[in-house]
Amino acid sequence: MAEGNPFDEAFRRISARFRADRAGDTRAVVHWRLTDWGPDEYARYEMVIEDGHIAVRPGRTRDAHVTVTLSAPEFLRMAGQPELFLSGRLRGDTARAATLPGLFTT
């Protein structure tokens, strides 16, 4: 992840709470679009869950199943609480998004 970005630690914490034993055959690509990053800019991250693993990286490399758009303060408030995935503005496969909180410890 990009060094010095204030979201890096938050995404590291989310990744650390991932429960591979709960993932099974879950496959999901979540794009995070964080507003208020700068003038007309977004901080963008991609979370890929597949084969019992999670990978989070800045940017986008795949088509998303779900896109979550939050302001930077909203994201930082919810980052330690993955069950709040659904508190943001979601676009895409909301049924798939509803299964994601169960893959993390609180």
PDB file of N, CA and C in Angstrom:
ATOM      1  N   MET A   1       0.832  -1.185   0.000  1.00  0.00           N
ATOM      2  CA  MET A   1       0.000   0.000   0.000  1.00  0.00           C
ATOM      3  C   MET A   1       0.874   1.245   0.000  1.00  0.00           C
ATOM      4  N   ALA A   2       0.300   2.321  -0.470  1.00  0.00           N
ATOM      5  CA  ALA A   2       1.068   3.557  -0.588  1.00  0.00           C
ATOM      6  C   ALA A   2       1.517   4.037   0.791  1.00  0.00           C
ATOM      7  N   GLU A   3       2.805   4.269   0.933  1.00  0.00           N
ATOM      8  CA  GLU A   3       3.346   4.704   2.209  1.00  0.00           C
ATOM      9  C   GLU A   3       2.864   6.106   2.529  1.00  0.00           C
ATOM     10  N   GLY A   4       2.476   6.329   3.780  1.00  0.00           N
ATOM     11  CA  GLY A   4       2.080   7.646   4.201  1.00  0.00           C
ATOM     12  C   GLY A   4       0.605   7.970   3.993  1.00  0.00           C
ATOM     13  N   ASN A   5      -0.131   7.093   3.343  1.00  0.00           N
ATOM     14  CA  ASN A   5      -1.551   7.320   3.134  1.00  0.00           C
ATOM     15  C   ASN A   5      -2.276   7.026   4.439  1.00  0.00           C
ATOM     16  N   PRO A   6      -3.126   7.927   4.916  1.00  0.00           N
ATOM     17  CA  PRO A   6      -3.784   7.707   6.208  1.00  0.00           C
ATOM     18  C   PRO A   6      -4.731   6.511   6.219  1.00  0.00           C
ATOM     19  N   PHE A   7      -5.094   5.983   5.061  1.00  0.00           N
ATOM     20  CA  PHE A   7      -6.017   4.854   5.022  1.00  0.00           C
ATOM     21  C   PHE A   7      -5.299   3.514   5.123  1.00  0.00           C
ATOM     22  N   ASP A   8      -3.986   3.497   4.927  1.00  0.00           N
ATOM     23  CA  ASP A   8      -3.247   2.239   4.935  1.00  0.00           C
ATOM     24  C   ASP A   8      -3.446   1.450   6.224  1.00  0.00           C
ATOM     25  N   GLU A   9      -3.318   2.121   7.357  1.00  0.00           N
ATOM     26  CA  GLU A   9      -3.467   1.439   8.645  1.00  0.00           C
ATOM     27  C   GLU A   9      -4.892   0.927   8.816  1.00  0.00           C
ATOM     28  N   ALA A  10      -5.867   1.687   8.397  1.00  0.00           N
ATOM     29  CA  ALA A  10      -7.255   1.251   8.521  1.00  0.00           C
ATOM     30  C   ALA A  10      -7.493  -0.017   7.696  1.00  0.00           C
ATOM     31  N   PHE A  11      -6.980  -0.059   6.474  1.00  0.00           N
ATOM     32  CA  PHE A  11      -7.147  -1.259   5.656  1.00  0.00           C
ATOM     33  C   PHE A  11      -6.342  -2.424   6.202  1.00  0.00           C
ATOM     34  N   ARG A  12      -5.191  -2.154   6.816  1.00  0.00           N
ATOM     35  CA  ARG A  12      -4.427  -3.222   7.447  1.00  0.00           C
ATOM     36  C   ARG A  12      -5.235  -3.849   8.577  1.00  0.00           C
ATOM     37  N   ARG A  13      -5.919  -3.018   9.350  1.00  0.00           N
ATOM     38  CA  ARG A  13      -6.742  -3.524  10.455  1.00  0.00           C
ATOM     39  C   ARG A  13      -7.914  -4.359   9.941  1.00  0.00           C
ATOM     40  N   ILE A  14      -8.548  -3.885   8.887  1.00  0.00           N
ATOM     41  CA  ILE A  14      -9.643  -4.660   8.307  1.00  0.00           C
ATOM     42  C   ILE A  14      -9.122  -6.020   7.844  1.00  0.00           C
ATOM     43  N   SER A  15      -7.994  -6.025   7.155  1.00  0.00           N
ATOM     44  CA  SER A  15      -7.416  -7.280   6.660  1.00  0.00           C
ATOM     45  C   SER A  15      -7.052  -8.216   7.806  1.00  0.00           C
ATOM     46  N   ALA A  16      -6.540  -7.663   8.902  1.00  0.00           N
ATOM     47  CA  ALA A  16      -6.149  -8.474  10.052  1.00  0.00           C
ATOM     48  C   ALA A  16      -7.349  -9.148  10.713  1.00  0.00           C
ATOM     49  N   ARG A  17      -8.525  -8.610  10.517  1.00  0.00           N
ATOM     50  CA  ARG A  17      -9.741  -9.182  11.113  1.00  0.00           C
ATOM     51  C   ARG A  17     -10.414 -10.220  10.213  1.00  0.00           C
ATOM     52  N   PHE A  18      -9.848 -10.454   9.045  1.00  0.00           N
ATOM     53  CA  PHE A  18     -10.414 -11.421   8.095  1.00  0.00           C
ATOM     54  C   PHE A  18     -10.327 -12.822   8.676  1.00  0.00           C
ATOM     55  N   ARG A  19     -11.422 -13.572   8.562  1.00  0.00           N
ATOM     56  CA  ARG A  19     -11.499 -14.951   9.063  1.00  0.00           C
ATOM     57  C   ARG A  19     -11.533 -15.906   7.872  1.00  0.00           C
ATOM     58  N   ALA A  20     -10.387 -16.425   7.496  1.00  0.00           N
ATOM     59  CA  ALA A  20     -10.288 -17.352   6.365  1.00  0.00           C
ATOM     60  C   ALA A  20     -11.150 -18.580   6.587  1.00  0.00           C
ATOM     61  N   ASP A  21     -11.299 -19.001   7.841  1.00  0.00           N
ATOM     62  CA  ASP A  21     -12.093 -20.188   8.137  1.00  0.00           C
ATOM     63  C   ASP A  21     -13.574 -19.980   7.839  1.00  0.00           C
ATOM     64  N   ARG A  22     -14.005 -18.756   7.704  1.00  0.00           N
ATOM     65  CA  ARG A  22     -15.403 -18.452   7.383  1.00  0.00           C
ATOM     66  C   ARG A  22     -15.607 -18.176   5.894  1.00  0.00           C
ATOM     67  N   ALA A  23     -14.521 -17.999   5.163  1.00  0.00           N
ATOM     68  CA  ALA A  23     -14.626 -17.541   3.776  1.00  0.00           C
ATOM     69  C   ALA A  23     -15.161 -18.599   2.824  1.00  0.00           C
ATOM     70  N   GLY A  24     -14.810 -19.862   3.050  1.00  0.00           N
ATOM     71  CA  GLY A  24     -15.285 -20.908   2.139  1.00  0.00           C
ATOM     72  C   GLY A  24     -14.952 -20.571   0.702  1.00  0.00           C
ATOM     73  N   ASP A  25     -15.957 -20.645  -0.159  1.00  0.00           N
ATOM     74  CA  ASP A  25     -15.736 -20.347  -1.581  1.00  0.00           C
ATOM     75  C   ASP A  25     -16.152 -18.920  -1.958  1.00  0.00           C
ATOM     76  N   THR A  26     -16.197 -18.045  -0.964  1.00  0.00           N
ATOM     77  CA  THR A  26     -16.556 -16.644  -1.224  1.00  0.00           C
ATOM     78  C   THR A  26     -15.575 -16.013  -2.197  1.00  0.00           C
ATOM     79  N   ARG A  27     -16.126 -15.352  -3.188  1.00  0.00           N
ATOM     80  CA  ARG A  27     -15.328 -14.589  -4.147  1.00  0.00           C
ATOM     81  C   ARG A  27     -15.984 -13.222  -4.255  1.00  0.00           C
ATOM     82  N   ALA A  28     -15.221 -12.208  -3.923  1.00  0.00           N
ATOM     83  CA  ALA A  28     -15.767 -10.855  -3.974  1.00  0.00           C
ATOM     84  C   ALA A  28     -14.657  -9.855  -4.251  1.00  0.00           C
ATOM     85  N   VAL A  29     -14.979  -8.884  -5.071  1.00  0.00           N
ATOM     86  CA  VAL A  29     -14.091  -7.755  -5.310  1.00  0.00           C
ATOM     87  C   VAL A  29     -14.851  -6.506  -4.871  1.00  0.00           C
ATOM     88  N   VAL A  30     -14.291  -5.817  -3.884  1.00  0.00           N
ATOM     89  CA  VAL A  30     -14.915  -4.619  -3.346  1.00  0.00           C
ATOM     90  C   VAL A  30     -14.009  -3.435  -3.664  1.00  0.00           C
ATOM     91  N   HIS A  31     -14.580  -2.429  -4.293  1.00  0.00           N
ATOM     92  CA  HIS A  31     -13.854  -1.188  -4.532  1.00  0.00           C
ATOM     93  C   HIS A  31     -14.309  -0.176  -3.489  1.00  0.00           C
ATOM     94  N   TRP A  32     -13.344   0.427  -2.861  1.00  0.00           N
ATOM     95  CA  TRP A  32     -13.596   1.480  -1.889  1.00  0.00           C
ATOM     96  C   TRP A  32     -13.235   2.800  -2.542  1.00  0.00           C
ATOM     97  N   ARG A  33     -14.153   3.724  -2.519  1.00  0.00           N
ATOM     98  CA  ARG A  33     -13.936   5.062  -3.076  1.00  0.00           C
ATOM     99  C   ARG A  33     -14.143   6.041  -1.922  1.00  0.00           C
ATOM    100  N   LEU A  34     -13.052   6.644  -1.478  1.00  0.00           N
ATOM    101  CA  LEU A  34     -13.089   7.505  -0.304  1.00  0.00           C
ATOM    102  C   LEU A  34     -12.996   8.954  -0.749  1.00  0.00           C
ATOM    103  N   THR A  35     -14.037   9.705  -0.444  1.00  0.00           N
ATOM    104  CA  THR A  35     -14.128  11.093  -0.884  1.00  0.00           C
ATOM    105  C   THR A  35     -13.392  12.008   0.085  1.00  0.00           C
ATOM    106  N   ASP A  36     -13.359  13.275  -0.225  1.00  0.00           N
ATOM    107  CA  ASP A  36     -12.720  14.282   0.627  1.00  0.00           C
ATOM    108  C   ASP A  36     -11.225  14.051   0.751  1.00  0.00           C
ATOM    109  N   TRP A  37     -10.632  13.418  -0.226  1.00  0.00           N
ATOM    110  CA  TRP A  37      -9.199  13.134  -0.192  1.00  0.00           C
ATOM    111  C   TRP A  37      -8.406  14.364  -0.627  1.00  0.00           C
ATOM    112  N   GLY A  38      -8.959  15.127  -1.504  1.00  0.00           N
ATOM    113  CA  GLY A  38      -8.306  16.328  -2.010  1.00  0.00           C
ATOM    114  C   GLY A  38      -9.236  16.952  -3.030  1.00  0.00           C
ATOM    115  N   PRO A  39      -8.818  18.017  -3.643  1.00  0.00           N
ATOM    116  CA  PRO A  39      -9.678  18.659  -4.631  1.00  0.00           C
ATOM    117  C   PRO A  39     -10.001  17.706  -5.779  1.00  0.00           C
ATOM    118  N   ASP A  40     -11.258  17.367  -5.904  1.00  0.00           N
ATOM    119  CA  ASP A  40     -11.735  16.509  -6.984  1.00  0.00           C
ATOM    120  C   ASP A  40     -11.019  15.154  -7.039  1.00  0.00           C
ATOM    121  N   GLU A  41     -10.603  14.646  -5.907  1.00  0.00           N
ATOM    122  CA  GLU A  41      -9.885  13.376  -5.889  1.00  0.00           C
ATOM    123  C   GLU A  41     -10.569  12.396  -4.948  1.00  0.00           C
ATOM    124  N   TYR A  42     -10.275  11.140  -5.188  1.00  0.00           N
ATOM    125  CA  TYR A  42     -10.712  10.056  -4.318  1.00  0.00           C
ATOM    126  C   TYR A  42      -9.489   9.225  -3.965  1.00  0.00           C
ATOM    127  N   ALA A  43      -9.513   8.652  -2.795  1.00  0.00           N
ATOM    128  CA  ALA A  43      -8.567   7.585  -2.479  1.00  0.00           C
ATOM    129  C   ALA A  43      -9.301   6.304  -2.864  1.00  0.00           C
ATOM    130  N   ARG A  44      -8.652   5.465  -3.640  1.00  0.00           N
ATOM    131  CA  ARG A  44      -9.301   4.242  -4.127  1.00  0.00           C
ATOM    132  C   ARG A  44      -8.503   3.030  -3.676  1.00  0.00           C
ATOM    133  N   TYR A  45      -9.233   2.052  -3.161  1.00  0.00           N
ATOM    134  CA  TYR A  45      -8.638   0.788  -2.745  1.00  0.00           C
ATOM    135  C   TYR A  45      -9.481  -0.351  -3.298  1.00  0.00           C
ATOM    136  N   GLU A  46      -8.841  -1.489  -3.403  1.00  0.00           N
ATOM    137  CA  GLU A  46      -9.522  -2.695  -3.877  1.00  0.00           C
ATOM    138  C   GLU A  46      -9.283  -3.801  -2.858  1.00  0.00           C
ATOM    139  N   MET A  47     -10.358  -4.472  -2.482  1.00  0.00           N
ATOM    140  CA  MET A  47     -10.300  -5.608  -1.579  1.00  0.00           C
ATOM    141  C   MET A  47     -10.769  -6.830  -2.373  1.00  0.00           C
ATOM    142  N   VAL A  48      -9.900  -7.829  -2.460  1.00  0.00           N
ATOM    143  CA  VAL A  48     -10.233  -9.052  -3.188  1.00  0.00           C
ATOM    144  C   VAL A  48     -10.265 -10.198  -2.188  1.00  0.00           C
ATOM    145  N   ILE A  49     -11.386 -10.892  -2.148  1.00  0.00           N
ATOM    146  CA  ILE A  49     -11.543 -12.065  -1.291  1.00  0.00           C
ATOM    147  C   ILE A  49     -11.767 -13.254  -2.206  1.00  0.00           C
ATOM    148  N   GLU A  50     -10.851 -14.225  -2.117  1.00  0.00           N
ATOM    149  CA  GLU A  50     -10.993 -15.448  -2.910  1.00  0.00           C
ATOM    150  C   GLU A  50     -10.041 -16.503  -2.366  1.00  0.00           C
ATOM    151  N   ASP A  51     -10.413 -17.752  -2.560  1.00  0.00           N
ATOM    152  CA  ASP A  51      -9.581 -18.880  -2.141  1.00  0.00           C
ATOM    153  C   ASP A  51      -9.172 -18.782  -0.672  1.00  0.00           C
ATOM    154  N   GLY A  52     -10.049 -18.254   0.166  1.00  0.00           N
ATOM    155  CA  GLY A  52      -9.769 -18.164   1.592  1.00  0.00           C
ATOM    156  C   GLY A  52      -8.764 -17.100   1.982  1.00  0.00           C
ATOM    157  N   HIS A  53      -8.488 -16.177   1.092  1.00  0.00           N
ATOM    158  CA  HIS A  53      -7.523 -15.115   1.356  1.00  0.00           C
ATOM    159  C   HIS A  53      -8.145 -13.753   1.078  1.00  0.00           C
ATOM    160  N   ILE A  54      -7.505 -12.743   1.650  1.00  0.00           N
ATOM    161  CA  ILE A  54      -7.899 -11.372   1.375  1.00  0.00           C
ATOM    162  C   ILE A  54      -6.658 -10.605   0.926  1.00  0.00           C
ATOM    163  N   ALA A  55      -6.839  -9.773  -0.051  1.00  0.00           N
ATOM    164  CA  ALA A  55      -5.762  -8.890  -0.512  1.00  0.00           C
ATOM    165  C   ALA A  55      -6.359  -7.502  -0.655  1.00  0.00           C
ATOM    166  N   VAL A  56      -5.675  -6.532  -0.100  1.00  0.00           N
ATOM    167  CA  VAL A  56      -6.109  -5.137  -0.208  1.00  0.00           C
ATOM    168  C   VAL A  56      -4.957  -4.351  -0.802  1.00  0.00           C
ATOM    169  N   ARG A  57      -5.292  -3.537  -1.784  1.00  0.00           N
ATOM    170  CA  ARG A  57      -4.266  -2.724  -2.456  1.00  0.00           C
ATOM    171  C   ARG A  57      -4.880  -1.407  -2.889  1.00  0.00           C
ATOM    172  N   PRO A  58      -4.048  -0.393  -3.017  1.00  0.00           N
ATOM    173  CA  PRO A  58      -4.569   0.860  -3.569  1.00  0.00           C
ATOM    174  C   PRO A  58      -4.862   0.685  -5.054  1.00  0.00           C
ATOM    175  N   GLY A  59      -5.795   1.457  -5.539  1.00  0.00           N
ATOM    176  CA  GLY A  59      -6.140   1.408  -6.958  1.00  0.00           C
ATOM    177  C   GLY A  59      -7.181   0.354  -7.261  1.00  0.00           C
ATOM    178  N   ARG A  60      -7.261   0.004  -8.540  1.00  0.00           N
ATOM    179  CA  ARG A  60      -8.235  -0.985  -9.005  1.00  0.00           C
ATOM    180  C   ARG A  60      -7.573  -1.832 -10.081  1.00  0.00           C
ATOM    181  N   THR A  61      -7.760  -3.148  -9.991  1.00  0.00           N
ATOM    182  CA  THR A  61      -7.210  -4.042 -11.004  1.00  0.00           C
ATOM    183  C   THR A  61      -8.265  -4.948 -11.617  1.00  0.00           C
ATOM    184  N   ARG A  62      -9.419  -5.041 -10.972  1.00  0.00           N
ATOM    185  CA  ARG A  62     -10.493  -5.932 -11.430  1.00  0.00           C
ATOM    186  C   ARG A  62     -11.820  -5.188 -11.436  1.00  0.00           C
ATOM    187  N   ASP A  63     -12.786  -5.783 -12.104  1.00  0.00           N
ATOM    188  CA  ASP A  63     -14.148  -5.259 -12.028  1.00  0.00           C
ATOM    189  C   ASP A  63     -14.700  -5.578 -10.646  1.00  0.00           C
ATOM    190  N   ALA A  64     -15.414  -4.626 -10.074  1.00  0.00           N
ATOM    191  CA  ALA A  64     -15.949  -4.787  -8.722  1.00  0.00           C
ATOM    192  C   ALA A  64     -17.305  -5.472  -8.735  1.00  0.00           C
ATOM    193  N   HIS A  65     -17.548  -6.267  -7.705  1.00  0.00           N
ATOM    194  CA  HIS A  65     -18.890  -6.767  -7.427  1.00  0.00           C
ATOM    195  C   HIS A  65     -19.663  -5.700  -6.660  1.00  0.00           C
ATOM    196  N   VAL A  66     -18.930  -4.984  -5.805  1.00  0.00           N
ATOM    197  CA  VAL A  66     -19.531  -3.966  -4.946  1.00  0.00           C
ATOM    198  C   VAL A  66     -18.590  -2.767  -4.895  1.00  0.00           C
ATOM    199  N   THR A  67     -19.163  -1.572  -4.935  1.00  0.00           N
ATOM    200  CA  THR A  67     -18.391  -0.352  -4.727  1.00  0.00           C
ATOM    201  C   THR A  67     -18.978   0.373  -3.528  1.00  0.00           C
ATOM    202  N   VAL A  68     -18.117   0.722  -2.591  1.00  0.00           N
ATOM    203  CA  VAL A  68     -18.525   1.449  -1.390  1.00  0.00           C
ATOM    204  C   VAL A  68     -17.934   2.851  -1.495  1.00  0.00           C
ATOM    205  N   THR A  69     -18.790   3.861  -1.389  1.00  0.00           N
ATOM    206  CA  THR A  69     -18.333   5.244  -1.414  1.00  0.00           C
ATOM    207  C   THR A  69     -18.632   5.866  -0.063  1.00  0.00           C
ATOM    208  N   LEU A  70     -17.584   6.337   0.586  1.00  0.00           N
ATOM    209  CA  LEU A  70     -17.710   6.967   1.895  1.00  0.00           C
ATOM    210  C   LEU A  70     -16.815   8.197   1.922  1.00  0.00           C
ATOM    211  N   SER A  71     -17.171   9.139   2.776  1.00  0.00           N
ATOM    212  CA  SER A  71     -16.235  10.238   3.006  1.00  0.00           C
ATOM    213  C   SER A  71     -15.074   9.685   3.827  1.00  0.00           C
ATOM    214  N   ALA A  72     -13.953  10.348   3.767  1.00  0.00           N
ATOM    215  CA  ALA A  72     -12.786   9.902   4.531  1.00  0.00           C
ATOM    216  C   ALA A  72     -13.116   9.776   6.025  1.00  0.00           C
ATOM    217  N   PRO A  73     -13.772  10.772   6.650  1.00  0.00           N
ATOM    218  CA  PRO A  73     -14.100  10.622   8.077  1.00  0.00           C
ATOM    219  C   PRO A  73     -15.043   9.445   8.347  1.00  0.00           C
ATOM    220  N   GLU A  74     -16.039   9.226   7.477  1.00  0.00           N
ATOM    221  CA  GLU A  74     -16.944   8.084   7.659  1.00  0.00           C
ATOM    222  C   GLU A  74     -16.163   6.776   7.624  1.00  0.00           C
ATOM    223  N   PHE A  75     -15.282   6.659   6.641  1.00  0.00           N
ATOM    224  CA  PHE A  75     -14.502   5.430   6.519  1.00  0.00           C
ATOM    225  C   PHE A  75     -13.633   5.197   7.751  1.00  0.00           C
ATOM    226  N   LEU A  76     -12.935   6.220   8.199  1.00  0.00           N
ATOM    227  CA  LEU A  76     -12.045   6.046   9.343  1.00  0.00           C
ATOM    228  C   LEU A  76     -12.818   5.698  10.609  1.00  0.00           C
ATOM    229  N   ARG A  77     -14.053   6.171  10.748  1.00  0.00           N
ATOM    230  CA  ARG A  77     -14.884   5.805  11.897  1.00  0.00           C
ATOM    231  C   ARG A  77     -15.273   4.339  11.840  1.00  0.00           C
ATOM    232  N   MET A  78     -15.547   3.822  10.643  1.00  0.00           N
ATOM    233  CA  MET A  78     -16.031   2.442  10.543  1.00  0.00           C
ATOM    234  C   MET A  78     -14.924   1.421  10.326  1.00  0.00           C
ATOM    235  N   ALA A  79     -13.696   1.860  10.070  1.00  0.00           N
ATOM    236  CA  ALA A  79     -12.630   0.940   9.650  1.00  0.00           C
ATOM    237  C   ALA A  79     -12.373  -0.184  10.640  1.00  0.00           C
ATOM    238  N   GLY A  80     -12.493   0.062  11.908  1.00  0.00           N
ATOM    239  CA  GLY A  80     -12.263  -0.986  12.896  1.00  0.00           C
ATOM    240  C   GLY A  80     -13.471  -1.865  13.127  1.00  0.00           C
ATOM    241  N   GLN A  81     -14.550  -1.622  12.403  1.00  0.00           N
ATOM    242  CA  GLN A  81     -15.789  -2.353  12.614  1.00  0.00           C
ATOM    243  C   GLN A  81     -16.338  -2.847  11.286  1.00  0.00           C
ATOM    244  N   PRO A  82     -15.795  -3.945  10.740  1.00  0.00           N
ATOM    245  CA  PRO A  82     -16.222  -4.404   9.412  1.00  0.00           C
ATOM    246  C   PRO A  82     -17.712  -4.696   9.300  1.00  0.00           C
ATOM    247  N   GLU A  83     -18.389  -4.926  10.416  1.00  0.00           N
ATOM    248  CA  GLU A  83     -19.829  -5.160  10.330  1.00  0.00           C
ATOM    249  C   GLU A  83     -20.565  -3.930   9.809  1.00  0.00           C
ATOM    250  N   LEU A  84     -19.896  -2.818   9.737  1.00  0.00           N
ATOM    251  CA  LEU A  84     -20.531  -1.596   9.253  1.00  0.00           C
ATOM    252  C   LEU A  84     -20.367  -1.393   7.753  1.00  0.00           C
ATOM    253  N   PHE A  85     -19.927  -2.442   7.029  1.00  0.00           N
ATOM    254  CA  PHE A  85     -19.823  -2.348   5.572  1.00  0.00           C
ATOM    255  C   PHE A  85     -21.084  -1.725   4.982  1.00  0.00           C
ATOM    256  N   LEU A  86     -22.222  -2.141   5.495  1.00  0.00           N
ATOM    257  CA  LEU A  86     -23.484  -1.736   4.889  1.00  0.00           C
ATOM    258  C   LEU A  86     -23.925  -0.344   5.292  1.00  0.00           C
ATOM    259  N   SER A  87     -23.162   0.318   6.151  1.00  0.00           N
ATOM    260  CA  SER A  87     -23.571   1.658   6.569  1.00  0.00           C
ATOM    261  C   SER A  87     -23.235   2.701   5.509  1.00  0.00           C
ATOM    262  N   GLY A  88     -22.397   2.350   4.573  1.00  0.00           N
ATOM    263  CA  GLY A  88     -22.001   3.289   3.524  1.00  0.00           C
ATOM    264  C   GLY A  88     -22.920   3.223   2.335  1.00  0.00           C
ATOM    265  N   ARG A  89     -22.556   3.952   1.334  1.00  0.00           N
ATOM    266  CA  ARG A  89     -23.325   3.940   0.091  1.00  0.00           C
ATOM    267  C   ARG A  89     -22.771   2.825  -0.788  1.00  0.00           C
ATOM    268  N   LEU A  90     -23.599   1.859  -1.076  1.00  0.00           N
ATOM    269  CA  LEU A  90     -23.190   0.697  -1.861  1.00  0.00           C
ATOM    270  C   LEU A  90     -23.775   0.753  -3.254  1.00  0.00           C
ATOM    271  N   ARG A  91     -22.977   0.285  -4.205  1.00  0.00           N
ATOM    272  CA  ARG A  91     -23.466   0.090  -5.565  1.00  0.00           C
ATOM    273  C   ARG A  91     -23.001  -1.283  -6.001  1.00  0.00           C
ATOM    274  N   GLY A  92     -23.846  -1.961  -6.716  1.00  0.00           N
ATOM    275  CA  GLY A  92     -23.459  -3.270  -7.221  1.00  0.00           C
ATOM    276  C   GLY A  92     -24.251  -4.378  -6.559  1.00  0.00           C
ATOM    277  N   ASP A  93     -23.612  -5.488  -6.337  1.00  0.00           N
ATOM    278  CA  ASP A  93     -24.235  -6.712  -5.833  1.00  0.00           C
ATOM    279  C   ASP A  93     -24.423  -6.616  -4.318  1.00  0.00           C
ATOM    280  N   THR A  94     -25.527  -6.009  -3.900  1.00  0.00           N
ATOM    281  CA  THR A  94     -25.746  -5.793  -2.472  1.00  0.00           C
ATOM    282  C   THR A  94     -25.991  -7.103  -1.724  1.00  0.00           C
ATOM    283  N   ALA A  95     -26.496  -8.121  -2.404  1.00  0.00           N
ATOM    284  CA  ALA A  95     -26.664  -9.424  -1.754  1.00  0.00           C
ATOM    285  C   ALA A  95     -25.294  -9.995  -1.390  1.00  0.00           C
ATOM    286  N   ARG A  96     -24.337  -9.865  -2.286  1.00  0.00           N
ATOM    287  CA  ARG A  96     -22.972 -10.331  -1.990  1.00  0.00           C
ATOM    288  C   ARG A  96     -22.382  -9.486  -0.857  1.00  0.00           C
ATOM    289  N   ALA A  97     -22.616  -8.181  -0.902  1.00  0.00           N
ATOM    290  CA  ALA A  97     -22.099  -7.292   0.138  1.00  0.00           C
ATOM    291  C   ALA A  97     -22.635  -7.685   1.508  1.00  0.00           C
ATOM    292  N   ALA A  98     -23.870  -8.122   1.562  1.00  0.00           N
ATOM    293  CA  ALA A  98     -24.482  -8.487   2.853  1.00  0.00           C
ATOM    294  C   ALA A  98     -23.784  -9.679   3.497  1.00  0.00           C
ATOM    295  N   THR A  99     -23.100 -10.506   2.716  1.00  0.00           N
ATOM    296  CA  THR A  99     -22.403 -11.664   3.286  1.00  0.00           C
ATOM    297  C   THR A  99     -21.021 -11.312   3.826  1.00  0.00           C
ATOM    298  N   LEU A 100     -20.472 -10.200   3.437  1.00  0.00           N
ATOM    299  CA  LEU A 100     -19.081  -9.873   3.788  1.00  0.00           C
ATOM    300  C   LEU A 100     -18.828  -9.636   5.290  1.00  0.00           C
ATOM    301  N   PRO A 101     -19.700  -8.972   6.016  1.00  0.00           N
ATOM    302  CA  PRO A 101     -19.389  -8.745   7.439  1.00  0.00           C
ATOM    303  C   PRO A 101     -19.129 -10.020   8.220  1.00  0.00           C
ATOM    304  N   GLY A 102     -19.754 -11.129   7.839  1.00  0.00           N
ATOM    305  CA  GLY A 102     -19.552 -12.388   8.538  1.00  0.00           C
ATOM    306  C   GLY A 102     -18.170 -12.986   8.349  1.00  0.00           C
ATOM    307  N   LEU A 103     -17.372 -12.402   7.458  1.00  0.00           N
ATOM    308  CA  LEU A 103     -16.018 -12.906   7.202  1.00  0.00           C
ATOM    309  C   LEU A 103     -14.956 -12.228   8.075  1.00  0.00           C
ATOM    310  N   PHE A 104     -15.396 -11.377   8.991  1.00  0.00           N
ATOM    311  CA  PHE A 104     -14.464 -10.613   9.811  1.00  0.00           C
ATOM    312  C   PHE A 104     -14.840 -10.730  11.275  1.00  0.00           C
ATOM    313  N   THR A 105     -13.827 -10.635  12.151  1.00  0.00           N
ATOM    314  CA  THR A 105     -14.093 -10.551  13.577  1.00  0.00           C
ATOM    315  C   THR A 105     -14.372  -9.101  13.907  1.00  0.00           C
ATOM    316  N   THR A 106     -15.075  -8.878  14.994  1.00  0.00           N
ATOM    317  CA  THR A 106     -15.375  -7.504  15.396  1.00  0.00           C
ATOM    318  C   THR A 106     -14.480  -7.078  16.523  1.00  0.00           C
TER     319      THR A 106
END
